[in-house]
C-alpha atoms as a PDB file:
ATOM      1  CA  MET A   1     142.812  66.948 123.979  1.00  0.00           C
ATOM      2  CA  LYS A   2     140.764  69.848 124.675  1.00  0.00           C
ATOM      3  CA  THR A   3     138.385  71.830 122.614  1.00  0.00           C
ATOM      4  CA  GLN A   4     138.250  75.316 121.720  1.00  0.00           C
ATOM      5  CA  LYS A   5     135.790  76.831 122.880  1.00  0.00           C
ATOM      6  CA  LEU A   6     133.985  79.880 121.082  1.00  0.00           C
ATOM      7  CA  GLN A   7     134.638  82.533 123.353  1.00  0.00           C
ATOM      8  CA  LEU A   8     132.759  85.425 122.487  1.00  0.00           C
ATOM      9  CA  LYS A   9     133.818  87.601 125.066  1.00  0.00           C
ATOM     10  CA  LYS A  10     137.452  88.100 124.619  1.00  0.00           C
ATOM     11  CA  TYR A  11     136.234  89.214 121.247  1.00  0.00           C
ATOM     12  CA  THR A  12     137.689  92.818 120.137  1.00  0.00           C
ATOM     13  CA  LEU A  13     135.015  95.591 119.853  1.00  0.00           C
ATOM     14  CA  GLN A  14     135.606  95.436 116.065  1.00  0.00           C
ATOM     15  CA  SER A  15     135.397  91.629 115.623  1.00  0.00           C
ATOM     16  CA  LYS A  16     131.995  91.525 117.418  1.00  0.00           C
ATOM     17  CA  ILE A  17     130.236  94.334 115.137  1.00  0.00           C
ATOM     18  CA  VAL A  18     131.686  92.619 112.333  1.00  0.00           C
ATOM     19  CA  LEU A  19     130.640  89.922 113.157  1.00  0.00           C
ATOM     20  CA  LEU A  20     126.990  91.004 114.126  1.00  0.00           C
ATOM     21  CA  THR A  21     126.685  93.009 111.360  1.00  0.00           C
ATOM     22  CA  SER A  22     127.541  90.924 108.370  1.00  0.00           C
ATOM     23  CA  LEU A  23     125.169  88.044 110.045  1.00  0.00           C
ATOM     24  CA  LEU A  24     122.506  90.587 109.915  1.00  0.00           C
ATOM     25  CA  LEU A  25     122.820  91.711 106.490  1.00  0.00           C
ATOM     26  CA  ILE A  26     122.963  88.248 105.325  1.00  0.00           C
ATOM     27  CA  VAL A  27     120.092  86.889 107.048  1.00  0.00           C
ATOM     28  CA  LEU A  28     117.691  89.794 106.409  1.00  0.00           C
ATOM     29  CA  PRO A  29     118.359  90.559 103.002  1.00  0.00           C
ATOM     30  CA  PHE A  30     117.766  86.113 102.536  1.00  0.00           C
ATOM     31  CA  ILE A  31     114.494  86.214 104.126  1.00  0.00           C
ATOM     32  CA  TYR A  32     113.169  88.737 101.673  1.00  0.00           C
ATOM     33  CA  PHE A  33     114.695  86.928  98.362  1.00  0.00           C
ATOM     34  CA  PHE A  34     113.429  84.049  99.791  1.00  0.00           C
ATOM     35  CA  LEU A  35     109.944  85.456  99.994  1.00  0.00           C
ATOM     36  CA  TYR A  36     109.213  87.444  97.495  1.00  0.00           C
ATOM     37  CA  GLU A  37     112.142  87.281  94.650  1.00  0.00           C
ATOM     38  CA  TYR A  38     112.768  83.185  94.407  1.00  0.00           C
ATOM     39  CA  ASN A  39     109.177  82.205  95.018  1.00  0.00           C
ATOM     40  CA  GLY A  40     108.716  80.219  91.797  1.00  0.00           C
ATOM     41  CA  LEU A  41     111.822  78.081  92.176  1.00  0.00           C
ATOM     42  CA  PRO A  42     111.962  74.860  93.942  1.00  0.00           C
ATOM     43  CA  PHE A  43     112.384  74.941  97.712  1.00  0.00           C
ATOM     44  CA  SER A  44     116.135  73.761  97.636  1.00  0.00           C
ATOM     45  CA  ASP A  45     116.852  76.033  94.920  1.00  0.00           C
ATOM     46  CA  ARG A  46     115.195  78.975  95.887  1.00  0.00           C
ATOM     47  CA  THR A  47     117.143  78.341  99.545  1.00  0.00           C
ATOM     48  CA  ILE A  48     120.567  78.262  97.852  1.00  0.00           C
ATOM     49  CA  SER A  49     119.619  81.126  95.499  1.00  0.00           C
ATOM     50  CA  SER A  50     118.492  83.301  97.978  1.00  0.00           C
ATOM     51  CA  LEU A  51     121.278  82.790 100.454  1.00  0.00           C
ATOM     52  CA  PHE A  52     124.040  83.205  97.761  1.00  0.00           C
ATOM     53  CA  GLN A  53     122.044  86.635  96.420  1.00  0.00           C
ATOM     54  CA  SER A  54     122.734  88.136 100.019  1.00  0.00           C
ATOM     55  CA  VAL A  55     126.302  87.185 100.132  1.00  0.00           C
ATOM     56  CA  THR A  56     127.791  87.895  96.770  1.00  0.00           C
ATOM     57  CA  THR A  57     126.020  91.542  96.431  1.00  0.00           C
ATOM     58  CA  ARG A  58     128.357  92.567  98.980  1.00  0.00           C
ATOM     59  CA  THR A  59     131.483  90.938  97.538  1.00  0.00           C
ATOM     60  CA  ALA A  60     132.359  88.600  95.086  1.00  0.00           C
ATOM     61  CA  GLY A  61     129.740  90.202  92.314  1.00  0.00           C
ATOM     62  CA  PHE A  62     128.541  86.764  90.884  1.00  0.00           C
ATOM     63  CA  ASN A  63     124.481  85.842  90.110  1.00  0.00           C
ATOM     64  CA  THR A  64     122.998  82.792  89.168  1.00  0.00           C
ATOM     65  CA  GLN A  65     119.510  84.275  88.597  1.00  0.00           C
ATOM     66  CA  ASP A  66     118.289  87.099  86.194  1.00  0.00           C
ATOM     67  CA  LEU A  67     118.945  90.582  87.753  1.00  0.00           C
ATOM     68  CA  SER A  68     117.161  92.003  85.603  1.00  0.00           C
ATOM     69  CA  ALA A  69     113.609  90.108  86.176  1.00  0.00           C
ATOM     70  CA  MET A  70     114.011  91.315  90.095  1.00  0.00           C
ATOM     71  CA  ASP A  71     111.416  94.148  90.972  1.00  0.00           C
ATOM     72  CA  GLU A  72     112.215  97.299  92.003  1.00  0.00           C
ATOM     73  CA  SER A  73     112.178  96.933  95.735  1.00  0.00           C
ATOM     74  CA  GLY A  74     114.996  93.611  95.692  1.00  0.00           C
ATOM     75  CA  THR A  75     116.925  95.724  92.972  1.00  0.00           C
ATOM     76  CA  LEU A  76     116.675  98.790  95.580  1.00  0.00           C
ATOM     77  CA  ILE A  77     117.702  96.051  98.854  1.00  0.00           C
ATOM     78  CA  MET A  78     120.727  94.869  96.024  1.00  0.00           C
ATOM     79  CA  ILE A  79     122.257  98.471  95.823  1.00  0.00           C
ATOM     80  CA  LEU A  80     122.144  99.052  99.215  1.00  0.00           C
ATOM     81  CA  LEU A  81     123.735  96.060 100.002  1.00  0.00           C
ATOM     82  CA  MET A  82     126.299  96.938  97.154  1.00  0.00           C
ATOM     83  CA  LEU A  83     127.038 100.324  98.993  1.00  0.00           C
ATOM     84  CA  ILE A  84     127.669  98.518 102.366  1.00  0.00           C
ATOM     85  CA  GLY A  85     130.106  96.359 100.783  1.00  0.00           C
ATOM     86  CA  GLY A  86     132.752  94.003 102.850  1.00  0.00           C
ATOM     87  CA  SER A  87     134.063  94.071 106.237  1.00  0.00           C
ATOM     88  CA  PRO A  88     137.187  96.675 107.027  1.00  0.00           C
ATOM     89  CA  GLY A  89     140.331  94.400 105.952  1.00  0.00           C
ATOM     90  CA  SER A  90     139.153  92.485 103.037  1.00  0.00           C
ATOM     91  CA  THR A  91     139.105  92.890  99.531  1.00  0.00           C
ATOM     92  CA  ALA A  92     135.863  93.669  98.975  1.00  0.00           C
ATOM     93  CA  GLY A  93     134.250  97.563  98.237  1.00  0.00           C
ATOM     94  CA  GLY A  94     131.789  99.517  99.313  1.00  0.00           C
ATOM     95  CA  MET A  95     131.504 101.694 102.846  1.00  0.00           C
ATOM     96  CA  LYS A  96     132.248  98.325 105.151  1.00  0.00           C
ATOM     97  CA  THR A  97     130.082  97.293 107.692  1.00  0.00           C
ATOM     98  CA  ALA A  98     131.755  98.655 110.507  1.00  0.00           C
ATOM     99  CA  THR A  99     130.978 102.252 109.112  1.00  0.00           C
ATOM    100  CA  PHE A 100     126.989 101.348 108.838  1.00  0.00           C
ATOM    101  CA  ALA A 101     127.349  99.775 112.327  1.00  0.00           C
ATOM    102  CA  VAL A 102     128.545 102.849 113.424  1.00  0.00           C
ATOM    103  CA  LEU A 103     126.325 105.176 111.769  1.00  0.00           C
ATOM    104  CA  PHE A 104     123.203 102.797 112.955  1.00  0.00           C
ATOM    105  CA  LEU A 105     124.710 103.109 116.479  1.00  0.00           C
ATOM    106  CA  SER A 106     125.265 106.709 116.008  1.00  0.00           C
ATOM    107  CA  ALA A 107     121.271 106.786 114.983  1.00  0.00           C
ATOM    108  CA  ILE A 108     120.054 104.675 118.489  1.00  0.00           C
ATOM    109  CA  THR A 109     122.086 107.007 120.188  1.00  0.00           C
ATOM    110  CA  VAL A 110     120.017 110.467 119.031  1.00  0.00           C
ATOM    111  CA  PHE A 111     116.716 108.329 119.455  1.00  0.00           C
ATOM    112  CA  SER A 112     117.401 107.253 123.237  1.00  0.00           C
ATOM    113  CA  ARG A 113     119.102 110.575 123.864  1.00  0.00           C
ATOM    114  CA  ARG A 114     122.372 109.500 125.193  1.00  0.00           C
ATOM    115  CA  ASN A 115     125.678 110.826 125.051  1.00  0.00           C
ATOM    116  CA  ASP A 116     128.017 108.378 123.701  1.00  0.00           C
ATOM    117  CA  VAL A 117     127.994 105.785 120.704  1.00  0.00           C
ATOM    118  CA  GLN A 118     127.932 102.587 122.826  1.00  0.00           C
ATOM    119  CA  CYS A 119     127.929  99.395 121.640  1.00  0.00           C
ATOM    120  CA  PHE A 120     128.697  95.784 123.608  1.00  0.00           C
ATOM    121  CA  ARG A 121     128.856  98.153 126.573  1.00  0.00           C
ATOM    122  CA  ARG A 122     131.757  99.957 125.179  1.00  0.00           C
ATOM    123  CA  ARG A 123     131.894 103.686 124.304  1.00  0.00           C
ATOM    124  CA  LEU A 124     132.777 104.524 120.590  1.00  0.00           C
ATOM    125  CA  PRO A 125     135.077 107.436 120.267  1.00  0.00           C
ATOM    126  CA  GLU A 126     133.709 110.518 118.243  1.00  0.00           C
ATOM    127  CA  THR A 127     136.098 110.229 115.677  1.00  0.00           C
ATOM    128  CA  ALA A 128     135.305 106.969 114.184  1.00  0.00           C
ATOM    129  CA  VAL A 129     131.569 108.591 113.951  1.00  0.00           C
ATOM    130  CA  ARG A 130     132.573 111.723 112.124  1.00  0.00           C
ATOM    131  CA  ASN A 131     134.729 109.616 109.711  1.00  0.00           C
ATOM    132  CA  ALA A 132     131.520 106.894 108.956  1.00  0.00           C
ATOM    133  CA  GLY A 133     129.331 110.288 108.246  1.00  0.00           C
ATOM    134  CA  ALA A 134     131.810 111.327 105.829  1.00  0.00           C
ATOM    135  CA  ILE A 135     132.229 107.969 103.925  1.00  0.00           C
ATOM    136  CA  LEU A 136     127.876 107.845 103.964  1.00  0.00           C
ATOM    137  CA  PHE A 137     127.781 111.039 102.807  1.00  0.00           C
ATOM    138  CA  MET A 138     130.887 110.712 100.077  1.00  0.00           C
ATOM    139  CA  TYR A 139     129.134 107.265  98.790  1.00  0.00           C
ATOM    140  CA  LEU A 140     125.604 109.014  98.839  1.00  0.00           C
ATOM    141  CA  VAL A 141     126.730 111.470  96.504  1.00  0.00           C
ATOM    142  CA  LEU A 142     129.258 110.021  94.127  1.00  0.00           C
ATOM    143  CA  PHE A 143     126.553 107.410  93.128  1.00  0.00           C
ATOM    144  CA  LEU A 144     123.371 109.444  92.991  1.00  0.00           C
ATOM    145  CA  THR A 145     124.928 112.182  91.211  1.00  0.00           C
ATOM    146  CA  SER A 146     126.288 109.908  88.792  1.00  0.00           C
ATOM    147  CA  GLY A 147     123.411 107.726  88.347  1.00  0.00           C
ATOM    148  CA  ILE A 148     121.161 111.095  87.643  1.00  0.00           C
ATOM    149  CA  ILE A 149     124.252 112.007  84.948  1.00  0.00           C
ATOM    150  CA  ILE A 150     124.498 108.532  83.392  1.00  0.00           C
ATOM    151  CA  SER A 151     120.243 108.228  83.549  1.00  0.00           C
ATOM    152  CA  ARG A 152     119.779 111.728  81.658  1.00  0.00           C
ATOM    153  CA  VAL A 153     122.653 110.860  79.003  1.00  0.00           C
ATOM    154  CA  GLU A 154     121.774 107.713  78.240  1.00  0.00           C
ATOM    155  CA  ASN A 155     117.730 107.885  78.688  1.00  0.00           C
ATOM    156  CA  LEU A 156     117.201 105.129  81.071  1.00  0.00           C
ATOM    157  CA  PRO A 157     115.506 104.463  83.754  1.00  0.00           C
ATOM    158  CA  LEU A 158     116.895 106.057  87.251  1.00  0.00           C
ATOM    159  CA  LEU A 159     116.968 103.102  89.473  1.00  0.00           C
ATOM    160  CA  THR A 160     118.505 100.794  86.278  1.00  0.00           C
ATOM    161  CA  CYS A 161     121.347 103.520  86.187  1.00  0.00           C
ATOM    162  CA  ILE A 162     122.190 103.931  90.240  1.00  0.00           C
ATOM    163  CA  PHE A 163     122.374 100.009  90.291  1.00  0.00           C
ATOM    164  CA  GLU A 164     125.103 100.162  87.677  1.00  0.00           C
ATOM    165  CA  THR A 165     126.710 103.370  89.745  1.00  0.00           C
ATOM    166  CA  GLY A 166     126.023 101.555  92.960  1.00  0.00           C
ATOM    167  CA  SER A 167     128.179  98.909  91.786  1.00  0.00           C
ATOM    168  CA  ALA A 168     130.778 100.170  90.315  1.00  0.00           C
ATOM    169  CA  ILE A 169     131.515 102.480  93.543  1.00  0.00           C
ATOM    170  CA  GLY A 170     131.086  98.833  95.816  1.00  0.00           C
ATOM    171  CA  THR A 171     133.634  97.683  93.082  1.00  0.00           C
ATOM    172  CA  VAL A 172     131.009  94.590  92.752  1.00  0.00           C
ATOM    173  CA  GLY A 173     130.766  94.067  88.965  1.00  0.00           C
ATOM    174  CA  LEU A 174     126.873  93.056  88.654  1.00  0.00           C
ATOM    175  CA  THR A 175     125.048  94.594  86.155  1.00  0.00           C
ATOM    176  CA  LEU A 176     121.453  95.004  84.708  1.00  0.00           C
ATOM    177  CA  GLY A 177     122.856  94.864  81.282  1.00  0.00           C
ATOM    178  CA  ILE A 178     123.126  97.972  80.176  1.00  0.00           C
ATOM    179  CA  THR A 179     127.206  98.534  80.337  1.00  0.00           C
ATOM    180  CA  SER A 180     127.687  97.215  77.155  1.00  0.00           C
ATOM    181  CA  LYS A 181     125.522  99.859  75.716  1.00  0.00           C
ATOM    182  CA  LEU A 182     126.603 103.067  77.284  1.00  0.00           C
ATOM    183  CA  SER A 183     128.426 105.644  75.587  1.00  0.00           C
ATOM    184  CA  LEU A 184     131.830 106.682  76.598  1.00  0.00           C
ATOM    185  CA  ILE A 185     131.150 109.517  78.852  1.00  0.00           C
ATOM    186  CA  SER A 186     128.782 106.889  80.917  1.00  0.00           C
ATOM    187  CA  ARG A 187     131.741 104.467  80.912  1.00  0.00           C
ATOM    188  CA  ILE A 188     134.317 106.588  82.229  1.00  0.00           C
ATOM    189  CA  ILE A 189     132.051 107.586  84.911  1.00  0.00           C
ATOM    190  CA  LEU A 190     131.911 104.030  85.876  1.00  0.00           C
ATOM    191  CA  MET A 191     135.568 103.960  86.011  1.00  0.00           C
ATOM    192  CA  LEU A 192     136.466 106.709  88.251  1.00  0.00           C
ATOM    193  CA  LEU A 193     133.684 105.300  90.838  1.00  0.00           C
ATOM    194  CA  MET A 194     135.452 101.731  90.544  1.00  0.00           C
ATOM    195  CA  PHE A 195     138.759 103.422  91.640  1.00  0.00           C
ATOM    196  CA  PHE A 196     137.435 105.940  94.082  1.00  0.00           C
ATOM    197  CA  GLY A 197     135.362 102.635  95.352  1.00  0.00           C
ATOM    198  CA  ARG A 198     138.754 100.743  94.842  1.00  0.00           C
ATOM    199  CA  VAL A 199     141.158 103.320  96.727  1.00  0.00           C
ATOM    200  CA  GLY A 200     138.809 104.564  99.497  1.00  0.00           C
ATOM    201  CA  GLY A 201     137.296 107.565  99.975  1.00  0.00           C
ATOM    202  CA  LEU A 202     139.062 108.785 103.085  1.00  0.00           C
ATOM    203  CA  THR A 203     142.753 107.499 101.694  1.00  0.00           C
ATOM    204  CA  LEU A 204     141.988 109.751  98.622  1.00  0.00           C
ATOM    205  CA  ILE A 205     141.174 112.790 100.802  1.00  0.00           C
ATOM    206  CA  TYR A 206     144.074 112.020 103.250  1.00  0.00           C
ATOM    207  CA  ALA A 207     146.724 111.686 100.161  1.00  0.00           C
ATOM    208  CA  ALA A 208     144.714 115.010  97.979  1.00  0.00           C
ATOM    209  CA  VAL A 209     144.233 117.288 101.048  1.00  0.00           C
ATOM    210  CA  PRO A 210     147.304 118.340 103.475  1.00  0.00           C
ATOM    211  CA  SER A 211     146.762 118.054 106.747  1.00  0.00           C
ATOM    212  CA  TYR A 212     146.594 121.046 109.641  1.00  0.00           C
ATOM    213  CA  GLU A 213     148.010 120.684 112.863  1.00  0.00           C
ATOM    214  CA  SER A 214     145.672 121.126 115.441  1.00  0.00           C
ATOM    215  CA  ASN A 215     146.038 123.846 118.082  1.00  0.00           C
ATOM    216  CA  ASN A 216     144.787 124.502 121.267  1.00  0.00           C
ATOM    217  CA  SER A 217     142.664 127.456 120.034  1.00  0.00           C
ATOM    218  CA  ARG A 218     139.240 127.033 119.130  1.00  0.00           C
ATOM    219  CA  LEU A 219     136.801 128.611 117.174  1.00  0.00           C
ATOM    220  CA  PRO A 220     133.577 130.071 119.756  1.00  0.00           C
ATOM    221  CA  LEU A 221     130.582 127.609 120.074  1.00  0.00           C
ATOM    222  CA  GLU A 222     127.199 128.296 118.557  1.00  0.00           C
ATOM    223  CA  LYS A 223     124.789 125.814 118.686  1.00  0.00           C
ATOM    224  CA  ILE A 224     121.770 125.006 115.216  1.00  0.00           C
ATOM    225  CA  THR A 225     119.069 123.889 114.767  1.00  0.00           C
ATOM    226  CA  VAL A 226     118.221 120.406 112.867  1.00  0.00           C
ATOM    227  CA  GLY A 227     115.855 117.855 111.945  1.00  0.00           C
END
């Protein structure tokens, strides 16, 4: 009977990016949680809690420890993980790991002064980079704006409110314990964010905005300075 070997070279670029990004998003938060958040627990409980929190923040939304007891740095890391979410094709919400990877690779391309976004000796299409940038912009604007509105309406700390909006738009389900105390306006905002996060930003745009047929004519090019 032949044994099946793990032949990464035969994996598609999508699979390689998703696996590598998912691994990093599990290991790096685990190290932080282990060193700074759960250092008062026994070693075995500390390890399990750190690993569980690193994984569940992007997917299931369960918690075994008191999230309100975490410091601001840990809360911010959890917000970022909720915004990234799971991988394309999964039931998890968020921007998706592939989107985050494309944005990171795009930044590396600019820093290294290359012309094309590359990964595993393959060139990524420009449409993927543009879509990733659009998704990031939509998620940041929606979750930050909603968090600011809820913070002003409820007179609560901004970090606590953007944790709730990040959890809503990432369809994670985690909370710092303020959801039941929110007013009707804030709850409606969270519900809309959940709907947006579940359906997906690009899906809503493609469904609501009519497409324009492309033609061979293009507007004149003029360069601008950014950064």
